[in-house]
Amino acid sequence: MKVEPTRRLTSLRSSSLTFGAILFILSIAPSAQAQHDDEYSTATLLGPYGYFFSGSAVGAGPAAAVCLVTFDGLGGVSAKDTLNTNGMAVARSGSGIYQVNSNCTGSASITVDAGQFSFDLMVIPRSSSAEFSMIVTNPGAIQTGEAIRIGEEDCTLATLQGTYRQSGSSLGMGASVGFGVSDGAGSYYREDTQSLGGVPGHRMVAATYTVNGDCTGTSTFTNGSHFDSVYVAGGSQKFDVRTDAGTISLGTFKKESRSRVSISQQRGSPDHQF
């Protein structure tokens, strides 16, 4: 059947219009999404987050902390943390105020047991408000950190389960990298390479851990060292700070696999924990 020239032209025009409409919709979709994602306000931060920070305090020495902080979406904030300053660990708690600006920056000021704790923050774009970076603004503090939303459900021992990538630092005195395996029932095993005073070495360590419903907890290693913890992102990450007198270190853990490995399957004996 022979197509009339007029009909062919009309068909081509219709196809061109349809294709052009699709291109237009696709072109504005990212812009609309970007505009939506960039609408920041105090309501942007809502619910519990876990964070860590580390650095130094002028005249006091190295400092590190892990914290649970809860925002009410209206400008009110409550927090509790464990702060280790030059080997002296203290538990703090308090409440205060915060704000988030339209450009994703913000600040918080919390009255804690030992005085005032303040920090500036930046909500990470495209994170669905699940993450923010921070810098402590107390006089003399040179400390930065990161925060991640904890999750919707209460935490249990099973929150920490699977294989985790580990990184640790004693803030200028030593460092370590490795992996850890948690059984989801209160025990975990870790294998890493550490450097203490510039001397590297391999080690295997084991620990028991506790988890509270608010996603804070503790770890106790076989050599007697102790850490306070906060579990974030539904247990996919964990932050630790050491609490033993005369020592200071901060550890971060990120889940790498959902595979379950029995600790009894691991070989070797635990050694020194930093």
C-alpha atoms as a PDB file:
ATOM      1  CA  MET A   1       0.000   0.000   0.000  1.00  0.00           C
ATOM      2  CA  LYS A   2       1.389   3.371  -0.934  1.00  0.00           C
ATOM      3  CA  VAL A   3       1.584   5.999   1.825  1.00  0.00           C
ATOM      4  CA  GLU A   4       0.457   9.463   0.936  1.00  0.00           C
ATOM      5  CA  PRO A   5       3.183  12.144   1.346  1.00  0.00           C
ATOM      6  CA  THR A   6       0.943  14.205   3.669  1.00  0.00           C
ATOM      7  CA  ARG A   7       0.301  11.237   5.965  1.00  0.00           C
ATOM      8  CA  ARG A   8       4.005  10.369   6.062  1.00  0.00           C
ATOM      9  CA  LEU A   9       4.866  13.960   7.050  1.00  0.00           C
ATOM     10  CA  THR A  10       2.207  13.986   9.761  1.00  0.00           C
ATOM     11  CA  SER A  11       3.533  10.695  11.169  1.00  0.00           C
ATOM     12  CA  LEU A  12       7.082  12.000  11.245  1.00  0.00           C
ATOM     13  CA  ARG A  13       6.002  15.185  12.984  1.00  0.00           C
ATOM     14  CA  SER A  14       4.057  13.192  15.588  1.00  0.00           C
ATOM     15  CA  SER A  15       7.064  10.970  16.272  1.00  0.00           C
ATOM     16  CA  SER A  16       9.335  13.981  16.563  1.00  0.00           C
ATOM     17  CA  LEU A  17       6.993  15.666  19.031  1.00  0.00           C
ATOM     18  CA  THR A  18       6.756  12.511  21.164  1.00  0.00           C
ATOM     19  CA  PHE A  19      10.531  12.046  21.180  1.00  0.00           C
ATOM     20  CA  GLY A  20      11.029  15.721  22.019  1.00  0.00           C
ATOM     21  CA  ALA A  21       8.578  15.492  24.909  1.00  0.00           C
ATOM     22  CA  ILE A  22      10.435  12.494  26.341  1.00  0.00           C
ATOM     23  CA  LEU A  23      13.759  14.315  26.100  1.00  0.00           C
ATOM     24  CA  PHE A  24      12.253  17.347  27.834  1.00  0.00           C
ATOM     25  CA  ILE A  25      10.895  15.264  30.714  1.00  0.00           C
ATOM     26  CA  LEU A  26      14.223  13.469  31.139  1.00  0.00           C
ATOM     27  CA  SER A  27      16.118  16.746  31.090  1.00  0.00           C
ATOM     28  CA  ILE A  28      14.068  18.370  33.840  1.00  0.00           C
ATOM     29  CA  ALA A  29      13.847  15.306  36.089  1.00  0.00           C
ATOM     30  CA  PRO A  30      17.395  15.647  37.524  1.00  0.00           C
ATOM     31  CA  SER A  31      16.862  19.367  38.074  1.00  0.00           C
ATOM     32  CA  ALA A  32      13.609  18.739  39.911  1.00  0.00           C
ATOM     33  CA  GLN A  33      15.277  16.084  42.039  1.00  0.00           C
ATOM     34  CA  ALA A  34      18.233  18.342  42.768  1.00  0.00           C
ATOM     35  CA  GLN A  35      15.907  21.153  43.780  1.00  0.00           C
ATOM     36  CA  HIS A  36      14.041  18.800  46.111  1.00  0.00           C
ATOM     37  CA  ASP A  37      17.252  17.420  47.647  1.00  0.00           C
ATOM     38  CA  ASP A  38      18.628  20.919  48.228  1.00  0.00           C
ATOM     39  CA  GLU A  39      15.685  22.074  50.345  1.00  0.00           C
ATOM     40  CA  TYR A  40      17.316  22.074  53.777  1.00  0.00           C
ATOM     41  CA  SER A  41      15.895  23.301  57.074  1.00  0.00           C
ATOM     42  CA  THR A  42      16.004  22.439  60.760  1.00  0.00           C
ATOM     43  CA  ALA A  43      13.471  19.698  60.018  1.00  0.00           C
ATOM     44  CA  THR A  44      16.070  18.008  57.779  1.00  0.00           C
ATOM     45  CA  LEU A  45      17.691  16.364  60.814  1.00  0.00           C
ATOM     46  CA  LEU A  46      15.223  14.160  62.646  1.00  0.00           C
ATOM     47  CA  GLY A  47      15.774  11.160  64.899  1.00  0.00           C
ATOM     48  CA  PRO A  48      18.892   9.477  66.314  1.00  0.00           C
ATOM     49  CA  TYR A  49      22.361   9.634  64.761  1.00  0.00           C
ATOM     50  CA  GLY A  50      25.659   8.164  65.871  1.00  0.00           C
ATOM     51  CA  TYR A  51      28.882  10.063  65.332  1.00  0.00           C
ATOM     52  CA  PHE A  52      32.565  10.073  66.117  1.00  0.00           C
ATOM     53  CA  PHE A  53      35.114  12.855  66.162  1.00  0.00           C
ATOM     54  CA  SER A  54      38.845  13.011  66.795  1.00  0.00           C
ATOM     55  CA  GLY A  55      41.702  15.483  66.828  1.00  0.00           C
ATOM     56  CA  SER A  56      43.263  17.454  69.629  1.00  0.00           C
ATOM     57  CA  ALA A  57      42.490  20.020  72.303  1.00  0.00           C
ATOM     58  CA  VAL A  58      44.966  22.853  72.732  1.00  0.00           C
ATOM     59  CA  GLY A  59      46.789  22.407  76.043  1.00  0.00           C
ATOM     60  CA  ALA A  60      45.157  19.026  76.718  1.00  0.00           C
ATOM     61  CA  GLY A  61      46.386  16.659  73.998  1.00  0.00           C
ATOM     62  CA  PRO A  62      44.668  14.200  71.641  1.00  0.00           C
ATOM     63  CA  ALA A  63      40.907  13.705  71.899  1.00  0.00           C
ATOM     64  CA  ALA A  64      38.339  11.279  70.499  1.00  0.00           C
ATOM     65  CA  ALA A  65      34.677  10.532  71.152  1.00  0.00           C
ATOM     66  CA  VAL A  66      31.687   8.481  70.061  1.00  0.00           C
ATOM     67  CA  CYS A  67      28.192   9.817  70.570  1.00  0.00           C
ATOM     68  CA  LEU A  68      24.467   9.229  70.256  1.00  0.00           C
ATOM     69  CA  VAL A  69      22.641  12.428  69.319  1.00  0.00           C
ATOM     70  CA  THR A  70      18.899  12.806  68.709  1.00  0.00           C
ATOM     71  CA  PHE A  71      17.274  15.679  66.794  1.00  0.00           C
ATOM     72  CA  ASP A  72      13.570  16.478  67.182  1.00  0.00           C
ATOM     73  CA  GLY A  73      13.172  18.204  63.810  1.00  0.00           C
ATOM     74  CA  LEU A  74      12.130  21.435  65.562  1.00  0.00           C
ATOM     75  CA  GLY A  75      15.445  22.756  66.865  1.00  0.00           C
ATOM     76  CA  GLY A  76      15.873  20.651  69.998  1.00  0.00           C
ATOM     77  CA  VAL A  77      18.669  18.117  70.438  1.00  0.00           C
ATOM     78  CA  SER A  78      19.783  15.666  73.137  1.00  0.00           C
ATOM     79  CA  ALA A  79      23.060  13.757  73.273  1.00  0.00           C
ATOM     80  CA  LYS A  80      25.216  11.380  75.265  1.00  0.00           C
ATOM     81  CA  ASP A  81      28.801  10.512  74.487  1.00  0.00           C
ATOM     82  CA  THR A  82      32.070   9.080  75.736  1.00  0.00           C
ATOM     83  CA  LEU A  83      34.924  11.563  75.357  1.00  0.00           C
ATOM     84  CA  ASN A  84      38.541  10.480  75.766  1.00  0.00           C
ATOM     85  CA  THR A  85      40.992  13.358  76.184  1.00  0.00           C
ATOM     86  CA  ASN A  86      44.638  12.353  76.453  1.00  0.00           C
ATOM     87  CA  GLY A  87      43.780   9.038  78.107  1.00  0.00           C
ATOM     88  CA  MET A  88      41.022  10.263  80.428  1.00  0.00           C
ATOM     89  CA  ALA A  89      37.562   9.016  79.389  1.00  0.00           C
ATOM     90  CA  VAL A  90      34.358  10.633  80.663  1.00  0.00           C
ATOM     91  CA  ALA A  91      30.701  10.002  79.903  1.00  0.00           C
ATOM     92  CA  ARG A  92      28.658  13.123  79.148  1.00  0.00           C
ATOM     93  CA  SER A  93      24.995  13.802  78.482  1.00  0.00           C
ATOM     94  CA  GLY A  94      22.844  16.858  77.926  1.00  0.00           C
ATOM     95  CA  SER A  95      20.462  18.747  75.680  1.00  0.00           C
ATOM     96  CA  GLY A  96      20.441  21.922  73.640  1.00  0.00           C
ATOM     97  CA  ILE A  97      19.496  23.531  70.368  1.00  0.00           C
ATOM     98  CA  TYR A  98      20.429  23.177  66.700  1.00  0.00           C
ATOM     99  CA  GLN A  99      19.632  24.648  63.321  1.00  0.00           C
ATOM    100  CA  VAL A 100      20.098  23.689  59.683  1.00  0.00           C
ATOM    101  CA  ASN A 101      20.361  26.411  57.038  1.00  0.00           C
ATOM    102  CA  SER A 102      19.010  26.308  53.497  1.00  0.00           C
ATOM    103  CA  ASN A 103      22.538  25.754  52.119  1.00  0.00           C
ATOM    104  CA  CYS A 104      22.852  22.453  54.114  1.00  0.00           C
ATOM    105  CA  THR A 105      25.154  23.927  56.792  1.00  0.00           C
ATOM    106  CA  GLY A 106      24.138  24.156  60.426  1.00  0.00           C
ATOM    107  CA  SER A 107      25.222  24.225  64.048  1.00  0.00           C
ATOM    108  CA  ALA A 108      24.404  22.761  67.442  1.00  0.00           C
ATOM    109  CA  SER A 109      25.054  23.818  71.017  1.00  0.00           C
ATOM    110  CA  ILE A 110      24.537  21.289  73.814  1.00  0.00           C
ATOM    111  CA  THR A 111      24.830  21.852  77.558  1.00  0.00           C
ATOM    112  CA  VAL A 112      26.546  18.756  78.970  1.00  0.00           C
ATOM    113  CA  ASP A 113      27.703  17.744  82.442  1.00  0.00           C
ATOM    114  CA  ALA A 114      31.110  19.376  82.022  1.00  0.00           C
ATOM    115  CA  GLY A 115      29.922  22.592  80.329  1.00  0.00           C
ATOM    116  CA  GLN A 116      29.088  23.449  76.733  1.00  0.00           C
ATOM    117  CA  PHE A 117      29.679  21.343  73.636  1.00  0.00           C
ATOM    118  CA  SER A 118      29.234  23.015  70.245  1.00  0.00           C
ATOM    119  CA  PHE A 119      29.801  22.028  66.654  1.00  0.00           C
ATOM    120  CA  ASP A 120      29.132  23.190  63.106  1.00  0.00           C
ATOM    121  CA  LEU A 121      27.796  20.661  60.633  1.00  0.00           C
ATOM    122  CA  MET A 122      27.118  20.075  56.956  1.00  0.00           C
ATOM    123  CA  VAL A 123      24.423  17.687  55.796  1.00  0.00           C
ATOM    124  CA  ILE A 124      25.846  15.567  52.970  1.00  0.00           C
ATOM    125  CA  PRO A 125      23.962  16.257  49.702  1.00  0.00           C
ATOM    126  CA  ARG A 126      22.209  13.271  48.096  1.00  0.00           C
ATOM    127  CA  SER A 127      22.402  11.305  51.384  1.00  0.00           C
ATOM    128  CA  SER A 128      18.663  11.625  52.134  1.00  0.00           C
ATOM    129  CA  SER A 129      19.760  13.492  55.282  1.00  0.00           C
ATOM    130  CA  ALA A 130      21.300  10.279  56.625  1.00  0.00           C
ATOM    131  CA  GLU A 131      24.826  11.708  57.009  1.00  0.00           C
ATOM    132  CA  PHE A 132      26.536  14.892  58.081  1.00  0.00           C
ATOM    133  CA  SER A 133      30.107  15.981  58.717  1.00  0.00           C
ATOM    134  CA  MET A 134      31.035  18.118  61.693  1.00  0.00           C
ATOM    135  CA  ILE A 135      33.734  20.270  63.273  1.00  0.00           C
ATOM    136  CA  VAL A 136      33.841  20.996  66.991  1.00  0.00           C
ATOM    137  CA  THR A 137      33.762  24.746  67.666  1.00  0.00           C
ATOM    138  CA  ASN A 138      34.610  24.825  71.380  1.00  0.00           C
ATOM    139  CA  PRO A 139      37.580  27.136  72.089  1.00  0.00           C
ATOM    140  CA  GLY A 140      40.851  25.215  71.713  1.00  0.00           C
ATOM    141  CA  ALA A 141      39.281  22.253  69.924  1.00  0.00           C
ATOM    142  CA  ILE A 142      40.810  20.991  66.663  1.00  0.00           C
ATOM    143  CA  GLN A 143      38.445  18.100  66.042  1.00  0.00           C
ATOM    144  CA  THR A 144      36.376  16.835  63.096  1.00  0.00           C
ATOM    145  CA  GLY A 145      34.045  13.914  62.646  1.00  0.00           C
ATOM    146  CA  GLU A 146      31.197  12.206  60.814  1.00  0.00           C
ATOM    147  CA  ALA A 147      27.636  11.255  61.740  1.00  0.00           C
ATOM    148  CA  ILE A 148      25.295   8.613  60.310  1.00  0.00           C
ATOM    149  CA  ARG A 149      21.617   7.985  61.020  1.00  0.00           C
ATOM    150  CA  ILE A 150      21.157   5.002  63.321  1.00  0.00           C
ATOM    151  CA  GLY A 151      18.099   3.354  61.803  1.00  0.00           C
ATOM    152  CA  GLU A 152      14.447   2.700  62.532  1.00  0.00           C
ATOM    153  CA  GLU A 153      14.639  -0.376  64.762  1.00  0.00           C
ATOM    154  CA  ASP A 154      15.999  -0.935  68.270  1.00  0.00           C
ATOM    155  CA  CYS A 155      19.423  -2.555  68.357  1.00  0.00           C
ATOM    156  CA  THR A 156      20.223  -6.042  69.699  1.00  0.00           C
ATOM    157  CA  LEU A 157      23.273  -8.297  69.720  1.00  0.00           C
ATOM    158  CA  ALA A 158      22.217  -9.459  66.244  1.00  0.00           C
ATOM    159  CA  THR A 159      22.640  -5.878  64.959  1.00  0.00           C
ATOM    160  CA  LEU A 160      26.387  -6.543  64.757  1.00  0.00           C
ATOM    161  CA  GLN A 161      26.642  -9.587  62.526  1.00  0.00           C
ATOM    162  CA  GLY A 162      28.807 -10.445  59.538  1.00  0.00           C
ATOM    163  CA  THR A 163      32.174  -9.308  58.209  1.00  0.00           C
ATOM    164  CA  TYR A 164      33.423  -5.760  58.790  1.00  0.00           C
ATOM    165  CA  ARG A 165      36.310  -3.698  57.465  1.00  0.00           C
ATOM    166  CA  GLN A 166      38.170  -2.131  60.383  1.00  0.00           C
ATOM    167  CA  SER A 167      40.375   0.926  60.786  1.00  0.00           C
ATOM    168  CA  GLY A 168      41.865   2.154  64.063  1.00  0.00           C
ATOM    169  CA  SER A 169      44.020   5.034  65.241  1.00  0.00           C
ATOM    170  CA  SER A 170      45.625   5.992  68.534  1.00  0.00           C
ATOM    171  CA  LEU A 171      45.980   9.550  67.241  1.00  0.00           C
ATOM    172  CA  GLY A 172      49.647   9.739  66.340  1.00  0.00           C
ATOM    173  CA  MET A 173      50.931   6.830  68.418  1.00  0.00           C
ATOM    174  CA  GLY A 174      49.671   3.911  66.342  1.00  0.00           C
ATOM    175  CA  ALA A 175      47.254   2.701  63.673  1.00  0.00           C
ATOM    176  CA  SER A 176      45.685  -0.503  62.383  1.00  0.00           C
ATOM    177  CA  VAL A 177      43.669  -1.844  59.459  1.00  0.00           C
ATOM    178  CA  GLY A 178      42.026  -5.215  59.056  1.00  0.00           C
ATOM    179  CA  PHE A 179      38.734  -7.085  59.197  1.00  0.00           C
ATOM    180  CA  GLY A 180      36.442  -8.410  61.909  1.00  0.00           C
ATOM    181  CA  VAL A 181      33.778 -11.113  62.049  1.00  0.00           C
ATOM    182  CA  SER A 182      30.853 -10.881  64.470  1.00  0.00           C
ATOM    183  CA  ASP A 183      28.603 -13.831  65.306  1.00  0.00           C
ATOM    184  CA  GLY A 184      25.559 -11.686  66.156  1.00  0.00           C
ATOM    185  CA  ALA A 185      25.456 -13.250  69.630  1.00  0.00           C
ATOM    186  CA  GLY A 186      27.979 -11.200  71.611  1.00  0.00           C
ATOM    187  CA  SER A 187      31.391 -12.269  70.307  1.00  0.00           C
ATOM    188  CA  TYR A 188      33.683 -11.239  67.492  1.00  0.00           C
ATOM    189  CA  TYR A 189      37.098 -12.004  66.081  1.00  0.00           C
ATOM    190  CA  ARG A 190      39.442  -9.590  64.342  1.00  0.00           C
ATOM    191  CA  GLU A 191      42.624  -9.905  62.326  1.00  0.00           C
ATOM    192  CA  ASP A 192      44.665  -6.878  61.324  1.00  0.00           C
ATOM    193  CA  THR A 193      48.027  -5.241  60.770  1.00  0.00           C
ATOM    194  CA  GLN A 194      49.008  -2.613  63.308  1.00  0.00           C
ATOM    195  CA  SER A 195      51.836  -0.124  63.557  1.00  0.00           C
ATOM    196  CA  LEU A 196      52.908   0.971  67.018  1.00  0.00           C
ATOM    197  CA  GLY A 197      55.613   3.605  67.144  1.00  0.00           C
ATOM    198  CA  GLY A 198      56.346   2.913  63.490  1.00  0.00           C
ATOM    199  CA  VAL A 199      56.880  -0.825  64.014  1.00  0.00           C
ATOM    200  CA  PRO A 200      54.358  -2.925  62.007  1.00  0.00           C
ATOM    201  CA  GLY A 201      53.028  -6.272  63.138  1.00  0.00           C
ATOM    202  CA  HIS A 202      50.248  -8.754  62.487  1.00  0.00           C
ATOM    203  CA  ARG A 203      47.761  -9.711  65.191  1.00  0.00           C
ATOM    204  CA  MET A 204      44.573 -11.640  65.909  1.00  0.00           C
ATOM    205  CA  VAL A 205      42.216 -10.365  68.614  1.00  0.00           C
ATOM    206  CA  ALA A 206      38.900 -11.469  70.090  1.00  0.00           C
ATOM    207  CA  ALA A 207      36.256  -9.690  72.128  1.00  0.00           C
ATOM    208  CA  THR A 208      32.801  -9.868  73.626  1.00  0.00           C
ATOM    209  CA  TYR A 209      30.357  -7.041  73.064  1.00  0.00           C
ATOM    210  CA  THR A 210      27.085  -5.646  74.408  1.00  0.00           C
ATOM    211  CA  VAL A 211      24.351  -3.736  72.571  1.00  0.00           C
ATOM    212  CA  ASN A 212      21.677  -1.527  74.155  1.00  0.00           C
ATOM    213  CA  GLY A 213      18.312  -0.802  72.607  1.00  0.00           C
ATOM    214  CA  ASP A 214      19.380   2.777  71.765  1.00  0.00           C
ATOM    215  CA  CYS A 215      22.291   1.365  69.698  1.00  0.00           C
ATOM    216  CA  THR A 216      25.068   2.183  72.143  1.00  0.00           C
ATOM    217  CA  GLY A 217      27.191  -0.580  73.630  1.00  0.00           C
ATOM    218  CA  THR A 218      30.590  -1.801  74.800  1.00  0.00           C
ATOM    219  CA  SER A 219      33.410  -4.137  73.760  1.00  0.00           C
ATOM    220  CA  THR A 220      35.772  -6.026  76.088  1.00  0.00           C
ATOM    221  CA  PHE A 221      38.859  -7.686  74.639  1.00  0.00           C
ATOM    222  CA  THR A 222      40.589 -10.767  75.972  1.00  0.00           C
ATOM    223  CA  ASN A 223      43.535  -8.661  77.164  1.00  0.00           C
ATOM    224  CA  GLY A 224      41.199  -6.553  79.316  1.00  0.00           C
ATOM    225  CA  SER A 225      40.933  -3.430  77.143  1.00  0.00           C
ATOM    226  CA  HIS A 226      37.533  -1.730  76.927  1.00  0.00           C
ATOM    227  CA  PHE A 227      35.672   0.366  74.371  1.00  0.00           C
ATOM    228  CA  ASP A 228      32.380   2.253  74.253  1.00  0.00           C
ATOM    229  CA  SER A 229      30.487   1.917  70.971  1.00  0.00           C
ATOM    230  CA  VAL A 230      27.668   3.304  68.872  1.00  0.00           C
ATOM    231  CA  TYR A 231      26.045   1.256  66.089  1.00  0.00           C
ATOM    232  CA  VAL A 232      24.710   3.120  63.029  1.00  0.00           C
ATOM    233  CA  ALA A 233      22.947   2.489  59.720  1.00  0.00           C
ATOM    234  CA  GLY A 234      21.130  -0.561  61.027  1.00  0.00           C
ATOM    235  CA  GLY A 235      24.374  -2.176  62.178  1.00  0.00           C
ATOM    236  CA  SER A 236      26.274  -1.737  58.938  1.00  0.00           C
ATOM    237  CA  GLN A 237      28.784   0.508  60.720  1.00  0.00           C
ATOM    238  CA  LYS A 238      30.171   0.861  64.241  1.00  0.00           C
ATOM    239  CA  PHE A 239      32.283   3.508  66.000  1.00  0.00           C
ATOM    240  CA  ASP A 240      34.470   2.712  69.050  1.00  0.00           C
ATOM    241  CA  VAL A 241      36.449   4.808  71.535  1.00  0.00           C
ATOM    242  CA  ARG A 242      38.765   3.297  74.134  1.00  0.00           C
ATOM    243  CA  THR A 243      37.927   3.962  77.783  1.00  0.00           C
ATOM    244  CA  ASP A 244      40.942   2.549  79.674  1.00  0.00           C
ATOM    245  CA  ALA A 245      42.877   5.139  81.698  1.00  0.00           C
ATOM    246  CA  GLY A 246      46.123   6.285  80.105  1.00  0.00           C
ATOM    247  CA  THR A 247      45.194   5.114  76.588  1.00  0.00           C
ATOM    248  CA  ILE A 248      43.338   6.656  73.674  1.00  0.00           C
ATOM    249  CA  SER A 249      42.186   5.188  70.366  1.00  0.00           C
ATOM    250  CA  LEU A 250      39.290   5.398  67.955  1.00  0.00           C
ATOM    251  CA  GLY A 251      38.033   2.618  65.695  1.00  0.00           C
ATOM    252  CA  THR A 252      35.564   2.498  62.801  1.00  0.00           C
ATOM    253  CA  PHE A 253      33.949  -0.610  61.333  1.00  0.00           C
ATOM    254  CA  LYS A 254      32.054  -0.923  58.045  1.00  0.00           C
ATOM    255  CA  LYS A 255      30.128  -4.017  57.003  1.00  0.00           C
ATOM    256  CA  GLU A 256      31.514  -5.746  53.930  1.00  0.00           C
ATOM    257  CA  SER A 257      29.495  -8.947  53.699  1.00  0.00           C
ATOM    258  CA  ARG A 258      26.385 -10.615  55.054  1.00  0.00           C
ATOM    259  CA  SER A 259      28.138 -13.962  55.221  1.00  0.00           C
ATOM    260  CA  ARG A 260      28.100 -15.626  58.623  1.00  0.00           C
ATOM    261  CA  VAL A 261      31.400 -17.039  59.830  1.00  0.00           C
ATOM    262  CA  SER A 262      31.679 -18.918  63.094  1.00  0.00           C
ATOM    263  CA  ILE A 263      34.377 -17.548  65.365  1.00  0.00           C
ATOM    264  CA  SER A 264      35.314 -21.107  66.246  1.00  0.00           C
ATOM    265  CA  GLN A 265      36.346 -21.600  62.613  1.00  0.00           C
ATOM    266  CA  GLN A 266      39.054 -18.951  62.891  1.00  0.00           C
ATOM    267  CA  ARG A 267      42.590 -20.049  63.666  1.00  0.00           C
ATOM    268  CA  GLY A 268      45.231 -18.552  65.882  1.00  0.00           C
ATOM    269  CA  SER A 269      45.227 -16.978  69.331  1.00  0.00           C
ATOM    270  CA  PRO A 270      44.214 -13.412  70.201  1.00  0.00           C
ATOM    271  CA  ASP A 271      46.992 -10.972  70.932  1.00  0.00           C
ATOM    272  CA  HIS A 272      47.393  -7.360  72.038  1.00  0.00           C
ATOM    273  CA  GLN A 273      44.474  -4.949  71.407  1.00  0.00           C
ATOM    274  CA  PHE A 274      45.039  -1.236  70.951  1.00  0.00           C
END
